[in-house]
């Protein structure tokens, strides 16, 4: 047994540590190579010990929620994936304040708020991610952003120290925050919501869900919006006007329903998804002079693109 594996087992328990774990089932793209180590710590103490073990051995690590904004390379990840799952998915309410763990799905948190007669998370009900991931990138939809409701967050530093940060200290901007740059791991957050009529809250959630089903390719694996919105433009419109609707590289495709989505249409390999994204960026830049930035995070090593597969 190698030293790191032994330390990870000591930190999180043998039942919570796996090696050579396929990442496809853990990300919403449903594609990805194997991670050298996959750890599911049960609490803050275990998480701190796992992070310290990684740092002692100089091994990269990545914290995973629902994997809804991540593309893992075909050749896998030479490091430790730390998943904050069920033990991190609790929530409680006190008046208009909600406190929740980083691993709770936004859809579940929004439903719990609705049951409490609290408004503010209706648009978050369809975002396929966890609270922790949503804070990292200040997730948003239909005019809503996490910064609208976040009061404070509890984070762990790369040294295992726990900090309480206000919403302002998180530096939440368009699909960005200070969290990744400072190496923080989100443990949980407190949200400020507003009283509302439960029937009206539910109606709004159902209205937005219907819009998503109509306009987004929810029937295929994807990571949601693939590109950030360039200032003054809409990514999907640029991609459509560049003639890329339905364009494919192997099993990856620009959605015909919404060009801002790259989908896993037919058992796509990660390198095919990445090659398609690069082709979209290149074509839009050449056609309109606009640079599209990936909203999806790339992790691990990718195979070299094969030629003759685009159509």
C-alpha atoms as a PDB file:
ATOM      1  CA  UNK A   1       0.000   0.000   0.000  1.00  0.00           C
ATOM      2  CA  UNK A   2       1.428   3.386  -0.954  1.00  0.00           C
ATOM      3  CA  UNK A   3       1.929   6.059   1.691  1.00  0.00           C
ATOM      4  CA  UNK A   4      -0.802   8.416   0.450  1.00  0.00           C
ATOM      5  CA  UNK A   5      -3.400   5.648   0.245  1.00  0.00           C
ATOM      6  CA  UNK A   6      -2.587   4.604   3.788  1.00  0.00           C
ATOM      7  CA  UNK A   7      -2.934   8.186   5.021  1.00  0.00           C
ATOM      8  CA  UNK A   8      -6.240   8.698   3.174  1.00  0.00           C
ATOM      9  CA  UNK A   9      -7.625   5.527   4.768  1.00  0.00           C
ATOM     10  CA  UNK A  10      -6.475   6.674   8.187  1.00  0.00           C
ATOM     11  CA  UNK A  11      -8.148  10.047   7.604  1.00  0.00           C
ATOM     12  CA  UNK A  12     -11.488   8.993   6.083  1.00  0.00           C
ATOM     13  CA  UNK A  13     -11.833   5.254   6.718  1.00  0.00           C
ATOM     14  CA  UNK A  14     -11.288   2.342   4.334  1.00  0.00           C
ATOM     15  CA  UNK A  15     -14.962   2.290   3.248  1.00  0.00           C
ATOM     16  CA  UNK A  16     -14.668   5.893   2.063  1.00  0.00           C
ATOM     17  CA  UNK A  17     -11.549   5.547  -0.091  1.00  0.00           C
ATOM     18  CA  UNK A  18     -11.384   4.037  -3.577  1.00  0.00           C
ATOM     19  CA  UNK A  19      -8.586   3.863  -6.142  1.00  0.00           C
ATOM     20  CA  UNK A  20      -8.764   4.142  -9.939  1.00  0.00           C
ATOM     21  CA  UNK A  21     -12.347   5.380  -9.764  1.00  0.00           C
ATOM     22  CA  UNK A  22     -14.129   6.013 -13.127  1.00  0.00           C
ATOM     23  CA  UNK A  23     -15.332   9.613 -13.116  1.00  0.00           C
ATOM     24  CA  UNK A  24     -18.071   9.352 -15.749  1.00  0.00           C
ATOM     25  CA  UNK A  25     -20.763   8.395 -13.201  1.00  0.00           C
ATOM     26  CA  UNK A  26     -19.759  11.300 -10.957  1.00  0.00           C
ATOM     27  CA  UNK A  27     -20.124  14.140 -13.510  1.00  0.00           C
ATOM     28  CA  UNK A  28     -23.184  15.275 -15.444  1.00  0.00           C
ATOM     29  CA  UNK A  29     -21.373  14.940 -18.795  1.00  0.00           C
ATOM     30  CA  UNK A  30     -21.315  11.177 -18.040  1.00  0.00           C
ATOM     31  CA  UNK A  31     -17.801  10.955 -19.475  1.00  0.00           C
ATOM     32  CA  UNK A  32     -14.378  10.880 -17.875  1.00  0.00           C
ATOM     33  CA  UNK A  33     -11.325   8.787 -17.113  1.00  0.00           C
ATOM     34  CA  UNK A  34     -10.246   7.364 -13.771  1.00  0.00           C
ATOM     35  CA  UNK A  35      -9.104   9.293 -10.713  1.00  0.00           C
ATOM     36  CA  UNK A  36      -6.132   7.816  -8.870  1.00  0.00           C
ATOM     37  CA  UNK A  37      -7.937   8.254  -5.541  1.00  0.00           C
ATOM     38  CA  UNK A  38     -11.569   9.000  -4.688  1.00  0.00           C
ATOM     39  CA  UNK A  39     -12.391   9.947  -1.097  1.00  0.00           C
ATOM     40  CA  UNK A  40     -15.726  10.686   0.609  1.00  0.00           C
ATOM     41  CA  UNK A  41     -14.929  12.224   4.015  1.00  0.00           C
ATOM     42  CA  UNK A  42     -17.726  12.101   6.555  1.00  0.00           C
ATOM     43  CA  UNK A  43     -17.076  15.377   8.332  1.00  0.00           C
ATOM     44  CA  UNK A  44     -14.882  18.434   8.740  1.00  0.00           C
ATOM     45  CA  UNK A  45     -12.192  16.662  10.766  1.00  0.00           C
ATOM     46  CA  UNK A  46     -11.871  13.902   8.176  1.00  0.00           C
ATOM     47  CA  UNK A  47     -11.821  16.443   5.345  1.00  0.00           C
ATOM     48  CA  UNK A  48      -9.036  18.430   7.031  1.00  0.00           C
ATOM     49  CA  UNK A  49      -6.963  15.273   7.472  1.00  0.00           C
ATOM     50  CA  UNK A  50      -7.483  14.271   3.829  1.00  0.00           C
ATOM     51  CA  UNK A  51      -6.353  17.707   2.633  1.00  0.00           C
ATOM     52  CA  UNK A  52      -3.320  17.624   4.927  1.00  0.00           C
ATOM     53  CA  UNK A  53      -2.388  14.176   3.600  1.00  0.00           C
ATOM     54  CA  UNK A  54      -2.550  15.475   0.034  1.00  0.00           C
ATOM     55  CA  UNK A  55      -0.376  18.451   0.917  1.00  0.00           C
ATOM     56  CA  UNK A  56       2.196  16.318   2.736  1.00  0.00           C
ATOM     57  CA  UNK A  57       2.609  14.108  -0.319  1.00  0.00           C
ATOM     58  CA  UNK A  58       2.435  16.989  -2.808  1.00  0.00           C
ATOM     59  CA  UNK A  59      -0.584  15.401  -4.492  1.00  0.00           C
ATOM     60  CA  UNK A  60      -3.174  17.566  -6.307  1.00  0.00           C
ATOM     61  CA  UNK A  61      -6.768  17.317  -5.110  1.00  0.00           C
ATOM     62  CA  UNK A  62     -10.131  18.505  -6.357  1.00  0.00           C
ATOM     63  CA  UNK A  63     -13.334  18.878  -4.339  1.00  0.00           C
ATOM     64  CA  UNK A  64     -16.421  17.521  -6.104  1.00  0.00           C
ATOM     65  CA  UNK A  65     -20.105  18.127  -5.527  1.00  0.00           C
ATOM     66  CA  UNK A  66     -22.552  16.983  -8.190  1.00  0.00           C
ATOM     67  CA  UNK A  67     -19.976  17.255 -10.991  1.00  0.00           C
ATOM     68  CA  UNK A  68     -22.293  19.517 -12.971  1.00  0.00           C
ATOM     69  CA  UNK A  69     -19.647  21.948 -14.202  1.00  0.00           C
ATOM     70  CA  UNK A  70     -16.732  19.604 -14.815  1.00  0.00           C
ATOM     71  CA  UNK A  71     -15.137  17.707 -17.695  1.00  0.00           C
ATOM     72  CA  UNK A  72     -12.599  15.074 -16.653  1.00  0.00           C
ATOM     73  CA  UNK A  73     -10.052  13.978 -19.247  1.00  0.00           C
ATOM     74  CA  UNK A  74      -9.991  10.552 -20.893  1.00  0.00           C
ATOM     75  CA  UNK A  75      -6.642   9.741 -19.331  1.00  0.00           C
ATOM     76  CA  UNK A  76      -7.941  10.489 -15.872  1.00  0.00           C
ATOM     77  CA  UNK A  77      -6.807  12.605 -12.939  1.00  0.00           C
ATOM     78  CA  UNK A  78      -3.461  12.054 -11.266  1.00  0.00           C
ATOM     79  CA  UNK A  79      -4.598  13.110  -7.847  1.00  0.00           C
ATOM     80  CA  UNK A  80      -7.348  12.871  -5.235  1.00  0.00           C
ATOM     81  CA  UNK A  81     -11.013  13.580  -5.882  1.00  0.00           C
ATOM     82  CA  UNK A  82     -12.755  14.575  -2.636  1.00  0.00           C
ATOM     83  CA  UNK A  83     -16.524  14.203  -2.852  1.00  0.00           C
ATOM     84  CA  UNK A  84     -18.730  16.069  -0.387  1.00  0.00           C
ATOM     85  CA  UNK A  85     -21.823  13.899  -0.530  1.00  0.00           C
ATOM     86  CA  UNK A  86     -24.659  12.878   1.776  1.00  0.00           C
ATOM     87  CA  UNK A  87     -22.975  13.769   5.097  1.00  0.00           C
ATOM     88  CA  UNK A  88     -22.732  17.325   3.801  1.00  0.00           C
ATOM     89  CA  UNK A  89     -26.326  17.676   2.567  1.00  0.00           C
ATOM     90  CA  UNK A  90     -28.232  18.781   5.647  1.00  0.00           C
ATOM     91  CA  UNK A  91     -30.230  21.995   5.994  1.00  0.00           C
ATOM     92  CA  UNK A  92     -32.173  23.828   8.668  1.00  0.00           C
ATOM     93  CA  UNK A  93     -34.279  26.983   8.838  1.00  0.00           C
ATOM     94  CA  UNK A  94     -34.626  29.725  11.421  1.00  0.00           C
ATOM     95  CA  UNK A  95     -37.155  32.322  10.384  1.00  0.00           C
ATOM     96  CA  UNK A  96     -36.041  33.615   6.999  1.00  0.00           C
ATOM     97  CA  UNK A  97     -32.501  32.257   7.402  1.00  0.00           C
ATOM     98  CA  UNK A  98     -31.417  28.943   5.900  1.00  0.00           C
ATOM     99  CA  UNK A  99     -28.241  27.088   6.853  1.00  0.00           C
ATOM    100  CA  UNK A 100     -27.127  24.225   4.609  1.00  0.00           C
ATOM    101  CA  UNK A 101     -24.155  21.986   3.932  1.00  0.00           C
ATOM    102  CA  UNK A 102     -22.026  22.279   0.828  1.00  0.00           C
ATOM    103  CA  UNK A 103     -23.204  18.922  -0.526  1.00  0.00           C
ATOM    104  CA  UNK A 104     -26.923  19.657  -0.682  1.00  0.00           C
ATOM    105  CA  UNK A 105     -28.384  19.850  -4.177  1.00  0.00           C
ATOM    106  CA  UNK A 106     -29.781  23.276  -5.040  1.00  0.00           C
ATOM    107  CA  UNK A 107     -32.973  21.613  -6.276  1.00  0.00           C
ATOM    108  CA  UNK A 108     -33.532  20.038  -2.864  1.00  0.00           C
ATOM    109  CA  UNK A 109     -32.658  23.228  -0.995  1.00  0.00           C
ATOM    110  CA  UNK A 110     -35.124  25.198  -3.135  1.00  0.00           C
ATOM    111  CA  UNK A 111     -37.893  22.672  -2.409  1.00  0.00           C
ATOM    112  CA  UNK A 112     -37.179  22.807   1.323  1.00  0.00           C
ATOM    113  CA  UNK A 113     -37.378  26.607   1.195  1.00  0.00           C
ATOM    114  CA  UNK A 114     -40.703  26.397  -0.647  1.00  0.00           C
ATOM    115  CA  UNK A 115     -42.073  24.081   2.054  1.00  0.00           C
ATOM    116  CA  UNK A 116     -41.029  26.704   4.610  1.00  0.00           C
ATOM    117  CA  UNK A 117     -42.849  29.420   2.648  1.00  0.00           C
ATOM    118  CA  UNK A 118     -39.570  31.139   1.786  1.00  0.00           C
ATOM    119  CA  UNK A 119     -38.834  32.795  -1.546  1.00  0.00           C
ATOM    120  CA  UNK A 120     -35.519  33.542  -3.228  1.00  0.00           C
ATOM    121  CA  UNK A 121     -34.400  30.176  -4.570  1.00  0.00           C
ATOM    122  CA  UNK A 122     -37.042  29.541  -7.226  1.00  0.00           C
ATOM    123  CA  UNK A 123     -34.601  30.051 -10.108  1.00  0.00           C
ATOM    124  CA  UNK A 124     -32.015  27.877  -8.364  1.00  0.00           C
ATOM    125  CA  UNK A 125     -34.389  24.904  -8.336  1.00  0.00           C
ATOM    126  CA  UNK A 126     -33.314  23.861 -11.827  1.00  0.00           C
ATOM    127  CA  UNK A 127     -29.547  24.371 -11.452  1.00  0.00           C
ATOM    128  CA  UNK A 128     -28.042  20.844 -11.393  1.00  0.00           C
ATOM    129  CA  UNK A 129     -25.389  21.451  -8.791  1.00  0.00           C
ATOM    130  CA  UNK A 130     -24.687  21.571  -5.078  1.00  0.00           C
ATOM    131  CA  UNK A 131     -24.600  24.581  -2.806  1.00  0.00           C
ATOM    132  CA  UNK A 132     -20.816  24.384  -2.552  1.00  0.00           C
ATOM    133  CA  UNK A 133     -20.298  24.313  -6.288  1.00  0.00           C
ATOM    134  CA  UNK A 134     -22.834  27.098  -6.755  1.00  0.00           C
ATOM    135  CA  UNK A 135     -20.845  29.352  -4.432  1.00  0.00           C
ATOM    136  CA  UNK A 136     -17.547  28.597  -6.139  1.00  0.00           C
ATOM    137  CA  UNK A 137     -18.864  29.923  -9.446  1.00  0.00           C
ATOM    138  CA  UNK A 138     -21.690  32.176  -8.208  1.00  0.00           C
ATOM    139  CA  UNK A 139     -24.160  30.059 -10.170  1.00  0.00           C
ATOM    140  CA  UNK A 140     -27.227  31.722 -11.589  1.00  0.00           C
ATOM    141  CA  UNK A 141     -30.181  31.479 -13.940  1.00  0.00           C
ATOM    142  CA  UNK A 142     -33.072  33.650 -15.131  1.00  0.00           C
ATOM    143  CA  UNK A 143     -31.688  36.794 -13.511  1.00  0.00           C
ATOM    144  CA  UNK A 144     -30.815  35.091 -10.239  1.00  0.00           C
ATOM    145  CA  UNK A 145     -27.310  34.653  -8.797  1.00  0.00           C
ATOM    146  CA  UNK A 146     -26.163  33.060  -5.568  1.00  0.00           C
ATOM    147  CA  UNK A 147     -24.824  36.405  -4.400  1.00  0.00           C
ATOM    148  CA  UNK A 148     -28.461  37.570  -4.125  1.00  0.00           C
ATOM    149  CA  UNK A 149     -29.111  35.270  -1.169  1.00  0.00           C
ATOM    150  CA  UNK A 150     -25.755  34.333   0.414  1.00  0.00           C
ATOM    151  CA  UNK A 151     -25.269  35.853   3.859  1.00  0.00           C
ATOM    152  CA  UNK A 152     -22.062  34.060   4.833  1.00  0.00           C
ATOM    153  CA  UNK A 153     -20.132  30.910   4.058  1.00  0.00           C
ATOM    154  CA  UNK A 154     -18.054  28.495   6.087  1.00  0.00           C
ATOM    155  CA  UNK A 155     -14.882  27.456   4.263  1.00  0.00           C
ATOM    156  CA  UNK A 156     -11.756  25.423   4.899  1.00  0.00           C
ATOM    157  CA  UNK A 157      -8.351  26.682   3.831  1.00  0.00           C
ATOM    158  CA  UNK A 158      -5.700  24.549   2.162  1.00  0.00           C
ATOM    159  CA  UNK A 159      -4.086  24.221   5.604  1.00  0.00           C
ATOM    160  CA  UNK A 160      -7.269  22.839   7.177  1.00  0.00           C
ATOM    161  CA  UNK A 161      -8.231  26.059   8.985  1.00  0.00           C
ATOM    162  CA  UNK A 162     -11.940  26.943   9.080  1.00  0.00           C
ATOM    163  CA  UNK A 163     -13.037  30.493   8.239  1.00  0.00           C
ATOM    164  CA  UNK A 164     -16.378  32.319   8.219  1.00  0.00           C
ATOM    165  CA  UNK A 165     -16.680  34.691   5.258  1.00  0.00           C
ATOM    166  CA  UNK A 166     -19.407  37.235   4.607  1.00  0.00           C
ATOM    167  CA  UNK A 167     -21.121  37.430   1.245  1.00  0.00           C
ATOM    168  CA  UNK A 168     -18.987  40.465   0.405  1.00  0.00           C
ATOM    169  CA  UNK A 169     -15.774  38.671   1.341  1.00  0.00           C
ATOM    170  CA  UNK A 170     -16.611  35.866  -1.093  1.00  0.00           C
ATOM    171  CA  UNK A 171     -16.165  38.392  -3.941  1.00  0.00           C
ATOM    172  CA  UNK A 172     -19.005  36.889  -5.950  1.00  0.00           C
ATOM    173  CA  UNK A 173     -19.053  38.089  -9.565  1.00  0.00           C
ATOM    174  CA  UNK A 174     -20.243  36.724 -12.879  1.00  0.00           C
ATOM    175  CA  UNK A 175     -19.447  32.996 -12.604  1.00  0.00           C
ATOM    176  CA  UNK A 176     -16.585  33.709 -10.243  1.00  0.00           C
ATOM    177  CA  UNK A 177     -15.613  34.038  -6.589  1.00  0.00           C
ATOM    178  CA  UNK A 178     -12.470  34.219  -4.481  1.00  0.00           C
ATOM    179  CA  UNK A 179     -12.886  30.575  -3.435  1.00  0.00           C
ATOM    180  CA  UNK A 180     -10.823  28.738  -6.087  1.00  0.00           C
ATOM    181  CA  UNK A 181      -8.090  31.367  -6.263  1.00  0.00           C
ATOM    182  CA  UNK A 182      -7.505  31.120  -2.510  1.00  0.00           C
ATOM    183  CA  UNK A 183      -7.743  27.348  -2.382  1.00  0.00           C
ATOM    184  CA  UNK A 184     -10.815  27.319  -0.149  1.00  0.00           C
ATOM    185  CA  UNK A 185     -13.222  24.402   0.186  1.00  0.00           C
ATOM    186  CA  UNK A 186     -16.834  25.336   0.903  1.00  0.00           C
ATOM    187  CA  UNK A 187     -18.273  23.540   3.941  1.00  0.00           C
ATOM    188  CA  UNK A 188     -21.667  25.229   4.082  1.00  0.00           C
ATOM    189  CA  UNK A 189     -23.458  28.550   3.896  1.00  0.00           C
ATOM    190  CA  UNK A 190     -26.185  30.680   5.415  1.00  0.00           C
ATOM    191  CA  UNK A 191     -28.768  32.213   3.094  1.00  0.00           C
ATOM    192  CA  UNK A 192     -31.173  35.098   3.619  1.00  0.00           C
ATOM    193  CA  UNK A 193     -34.571  34.441   2.071  1.00  0.00           C
ATOM    194  CA  UNK A 194     -37.893  36.277   2.148  1.00  0.00           C
ATOM    195  CA  UNK A 195     -41.381  35.167   3.219  1.00  0.00           C
ATOM    196  CA  UNK A 196     -43.648  34.243   0.340  1.00  0.00           C
ATOM    197  CA  UNK A 197     -46.848  32.477  -0.579  1.00  0.00           C
ATOM    198  CA  UNK A 198     -46.067  28.747  -1.001  1.00  0.00           C
ATOM    199  CA  UNK A 199     -48.476  28.433  -3.922  1.00  0.00           C
ATOM    200  CA  UNK A 200     -46.852  31.364  -5.729  1.00  0.00           C
ATOM    201  CA  UNK A 201     -43.366  29.994  -5.027  1.00  0.00           C
ATOM    202  CA  UNK A 202     -44.316  26.577  -6.381  1.00  0.00           C
ATOM    203  CA  UNK A 203     -45.971  28.125  -9.447  1.00  0.00           C
ATOM    204  CA  UNK A 204     -42.800  30.083 -10.231  1.00  0.00           C
ATOM    205  CA  UNK A 205     -40.651  26.973  -9.869  1.00  0.00           C
ATOM    206  CA  UNK A 206     -42.945  25.035 -12.202  1.00  0.00           C
ATOM    207  CA  UNK A 207     -42.933  27.899 -14.706  1.00  0.00           C
ATOM    208  CA  UNK A 208     -39.135  27.973 -14.822  1.00  0.00           C
ATOM    209  CA  UNK A 209     -38.953  24.170 -15.035  1.00  0.00           C
ATOM    210  CA  UNK A 210     -41.253  24.272 -18.076  1.00  0.00           C
ATOM    211  CA  UNK A 211     -39.028  26.901 -19.702  1.00  0.00           C
ATOM    212  CA  UNK A 212     -35.968  24.727 -19.149  1.00  0.00           C
ATOM    213  CA  UNK A 213     -37.632  21.666 -20.656  1.00  0.00           C
ATOM    214  CA  UNK A 214     -38.696  23.701 -23.682  1.00  0.00           C
ATOM    215  CA  UNK A 215     -35.417  25.515 -24.346  1.00  0.00           C
ATOM    216  CA  UNK A 216     -32.649  23.322 -22.927  1.00  0.00           C
ATOM    217  CA  UNK A 217     -31.496  19.823 -23.983  1.00  0.00           C
ATOM    218  CA  UNK A 218     -32.223  18.217 -20.628  1.00  0.00           C
ATOM    219  CA  UNK A 219     -32.648  14.823 -22.284  1.00  0.00           C
ATOM    220  CA  UNK A 220     -28.886  14.558 -22.914  1.00  0.00           C
ATOM    221  CA  UNK A 221     -25.904  14.617 -20.531  1.00  0.00           C
ATOM    222  CA  UNK A 222     -24.204  18.004 -20.429  1.00  0.00           C
ATOM    223  CA  UNK A 223     -22.640  20.474 -18.040  1.00  0.00           C
ATOM    224  CA  UNK A 224     -25.312  23.093 -18.596  1.00  0.00           C
ATOM    225  CA  UNK A 225     -24.234  26.303 -20.289  1.00  0.00           C
ATOM    226  CA  UNK A 226     -20.846  25.449 -21.759  1.00  0.00           C
ATOM    227  CA  UNK A 227     -19.521  28.971 -22.309  1.00  0.00           C
ATOM    228  CA  UNK A 228     -19.658  32.142 -20.261  1.00  0.00           C
ATOM    229  CA  UNK A 229     -21.707  35.001 -21.648  1.00  0.00           C
ATOM    230  CA  UNK A 230     -19.327  37.427 -23.402  1.00  0.00           C
ATOM    231  CA  UNK A 231     -20.001  41.053 -22.576  1.00  0.00           C
ATOM    232  CA  UNK A 232     -22.552  42.484 -24.973  1.00  0.00           C
ATOM    233  CA  UNK A 233     -23.407  39.117 -26.557  1.00  0.00           C
ATOM    234  CA  UNK A 234     -25.130  35.802 -25.958  1.00  0.00           C
ATOM    235  CA  UNK A 235     -22.912  32.765 -26.442  1.00  0.00           C
ATOM    236  CA  UNK A 236     -25.694  30.613 -27.873  1.00  0.00           C
ATOM    237  CA  UNK A 237     -26.645  33.238 -30.467  1.00  0.00           C
ATOM    238  CA  UNK A 238     -23.026  33.652 -31.586  1.00  0.00           C
ATOM    239  CA  UNK A 239     -22.629  29.883 -31.964  1.00  0.00           C
ATOM    240  CA  UNK A 240     -25.876  29.597 -33.891  1.00  0.00           C
ATOM    241  CA  UNK A 241     -25.018  32.502 -36.197  1.00  0.00           C
ATOM    242  CA  UNK A 242     -21.619  30.910 -36.852  1.00  0.00           C
ATOM    243  CA  UNK A 243     -23.483  27.984 -38.410  1.00  0.00           C
ATOM    244  CA  UNK A 244     -22.613  25.501 -35.680  1.00  0.00           C
ATOM    245  CA  UNK A 245     -26.087  24.328 -34.610  1.00  0.00           C
ATOM    246  CA  UNK A 246     -25.939  20.535 -34.477  1.00  0.00           C
ATOM    247  CA  UNK A 247     -22.194  20.403 -35.293  1.00  0.00           C
ATOM    248  CA  UNK A 248     -20.618  17.188 -34.025  1.00  0.00           C
ATOM    249  CA  UNK A 249     -17.257  15.772 -33.103  1.00  0.00           C
ATOM    250  CA  UNK A 250     -17.811  12.058 -32.601  1.00  0.00           C
ATOM    251  CA  UNK A 251     -20.489  11.634 -29.952  1.00  0.00           C
ATOM    252  CA  UNK A 252     -20.331  15.277 -28.813  1.00  0.00           C
ATOM    253  CA  UNK A 253     -22.704  17.811 -30.353  1.00  0.00           C
ATOM    254  CA  UNK A 254     -23.678  21.464 -30.223  1.00  0.00           C
ATOM    255  CA  UNK A 255     -27.286  21.176 -29.109  1.00  0.00           C
ATOM    256  CA  UNK A 256     -29.865  21.768 -31.788  1.00  0.00           C
ATOM    257  CA  UNK A 257     -32.283  22.997 -29.135  1.00  0.00           C
ATOM    258  CA  UNK A 258     -29.895  25.510 -27.497  1.00  0.00           C
ATOM    259  CA  UNK A 259     -26.549  26.258 -29.109  1.00  0.00           C
ATOM    260  CA  UNK A 260     -25.053  27.366 -25.814  1.00  0.00           C
ATOM    261  CA  UNK A 261     -25.016  23.724 -24.698  1.00  0.00           C
ATOM    262  CA  UNK A 262     -22.483  21.113 -25.782  1.00  0.00           C
ATOM    263  CA  UNK A 263     -24.092  17.733 -25.139  1.00  0.00           C
ATOM    264  CA  UNK A 264     -22.984  14.137 -24.884  1.00  0.00           C
ATOM    265  CA  UNK A 265     -25.208  12.973 -27.722  1.00  0.00           C
ATOM    266  CA  UNK A 266     -23.870   9.455 -28.188  1.00  0.00           C
ATOM    267  CA  UNK A 267     -21.293   8.043 -25.755  1.00  0.00           C
ATOM    268  CA  UNK A 268     -18.897  10.911 -26.363  1.00  0.00           C
ATOM    269  CA  UNK A 269     -15.316  10.657 -25.181  1.00  0.00           C
ATOM    270  CA  UNK A 270     -13.999  13.597 -23.134  1.00  0.00           C
ATOM    271  CA  UNK A 271     -11.491  14.507 -25.875  1.00  0.00           C
ATOM    272  CA  UNK A 272     -14.401  14.740 -28.345  1.00  0.00           C
ATOM    273  CA  UNK A 273     -16.274  17.122 -26.051  1.00  0.00           C
ATOM    274  CA  UNK A 274     -13.167  19.258 -25.590  1.00  0.00           C
ATOM    275  CA  UNK A 275     -12.322  19.213 -29.305  1.00  0.00           C
ATOM    276  CA  UNK A 276     -15.847  20.399 -30.092  1.00  0.00           C
ATOM    277  CA  UNK A 277     -15.587  23.198 -27.540  1.00  0.00           C
ATOM    278  CA  UNK A 278     -12.267  24.316 -29.044  1.00  0.00           C
ATOM    279  CA  UNK A 279     -13.737  24.233 -32.541  1.00  0.00           C
ATOM    280  CA  UNK A 280     -16.660  26.396 -31.387  1.00  0.00           C
ATOM    281  CA  UNK A 281     -14.274  28.899 -29.779  1.00  0.00           C
ATOM    282  CA  UNK A 282     -12.091  29.043 -32.897  1.00  0.00           C
ATOM    283  CA  UNK A 283     -15.022  29.444 -35.291  1.00  0.00           C
ATOM    284  CA  UNK A 284     -16.752  32.161 -33.262  1.00  0.00           C
ATOM    285  CA  UNK A 285     -13.484  34.057 -32.889  1.00  0.00           C
ATOM    286  CA  UNK A 286     -12.774  33.875 -36.623  1.00  0.00           C
ATOM    287  CA  UNK A 287     -16.350  34.797 -37.562  1.00  0.00           C
ATOM    288  CA  UNK A 288     -17.189  37.541 -35.079  1.00  0.00           C
ATOM    289  CA  UNK A 289     -13.914  38.404 -33.327  1.00  0.00           C
ATOM    290  CA  UNK A 290     -15.437  37.399 -29.992  1.00  0.00           C
ATOM    291  CA  UNK A 291     -13.589  35.129 -27.558  1.00  0.00           C
ATOM    292  CA  UNK A 292     -15.758  32.557 -25.805  1.00  0.00           C
ATOM    293  CA  UNK A 293     -14.521  31.446 -22.404  1.00  0.00           C
ATOM    294  CA  UNK A 294     -15.391  27.999 -21.125  1.00  0.00           C
ATOM    295  CA  UNK A 295     -17.738  27.955 -18.153  1.00  0.00           C
ATOM    296  CA  UNK A 296     -16.957  24.256 -17.736  1.00  0.00           C
ATOM    297  CA  UNK A 297     -13.895  23.400 -15.659  1.00  0.00           C
ATOM    298  CA  UNK A 298     -11.363  21.021 -17.231  1.00  0.00           C
ATOM    299  CA  UNK A 299      -9.672  18.476 -15.000  1.00  0.00           C
ATOM    300  CA  UNK A 300      -7.028  15.848 -15.670  1.00  0.00           C
ATOM    301  CA  UNK A 301      -5.371  14.643 -18.851  1.00  0.00           C
ATOM    302  CA  UNK A 302      -7.038  14.493 -22.253  1.00  0.00           C
ATOM    303  CA  UNK A 303      -6.271  12.201 -25.178  1.00  0.00           C
ATOM    304  CA  UNK A 304      -5.015  13.770 -28.390  1.00  0.00           C
ATOM    305  CA  UNK A 305      -7.891  14.573 -30.795  1.00  0.00           C
ATOM    306  CA  UNK A 306      -8.237  12.209 -33.700  1.00  0.00           C
ATOM    307  CA  UNK A 307      -8.629  13.660 -37.174  1.00  0.00           C
ATOM    308  CA  UNK A 308     -11.558  13.242 -39.505  1.00  0.00           C
ATOM    309  CA  UNK A 309     -14.277  13.002 -36.851  1.00  0.00           C
ATOM    310  CA  UNK A 310     -15.969  16.405 -37.129  1.00  0.00           C
ATOM    311  CA  UNK A 311     -19.163  16.856 -39.104  1.00  0.00           C
END
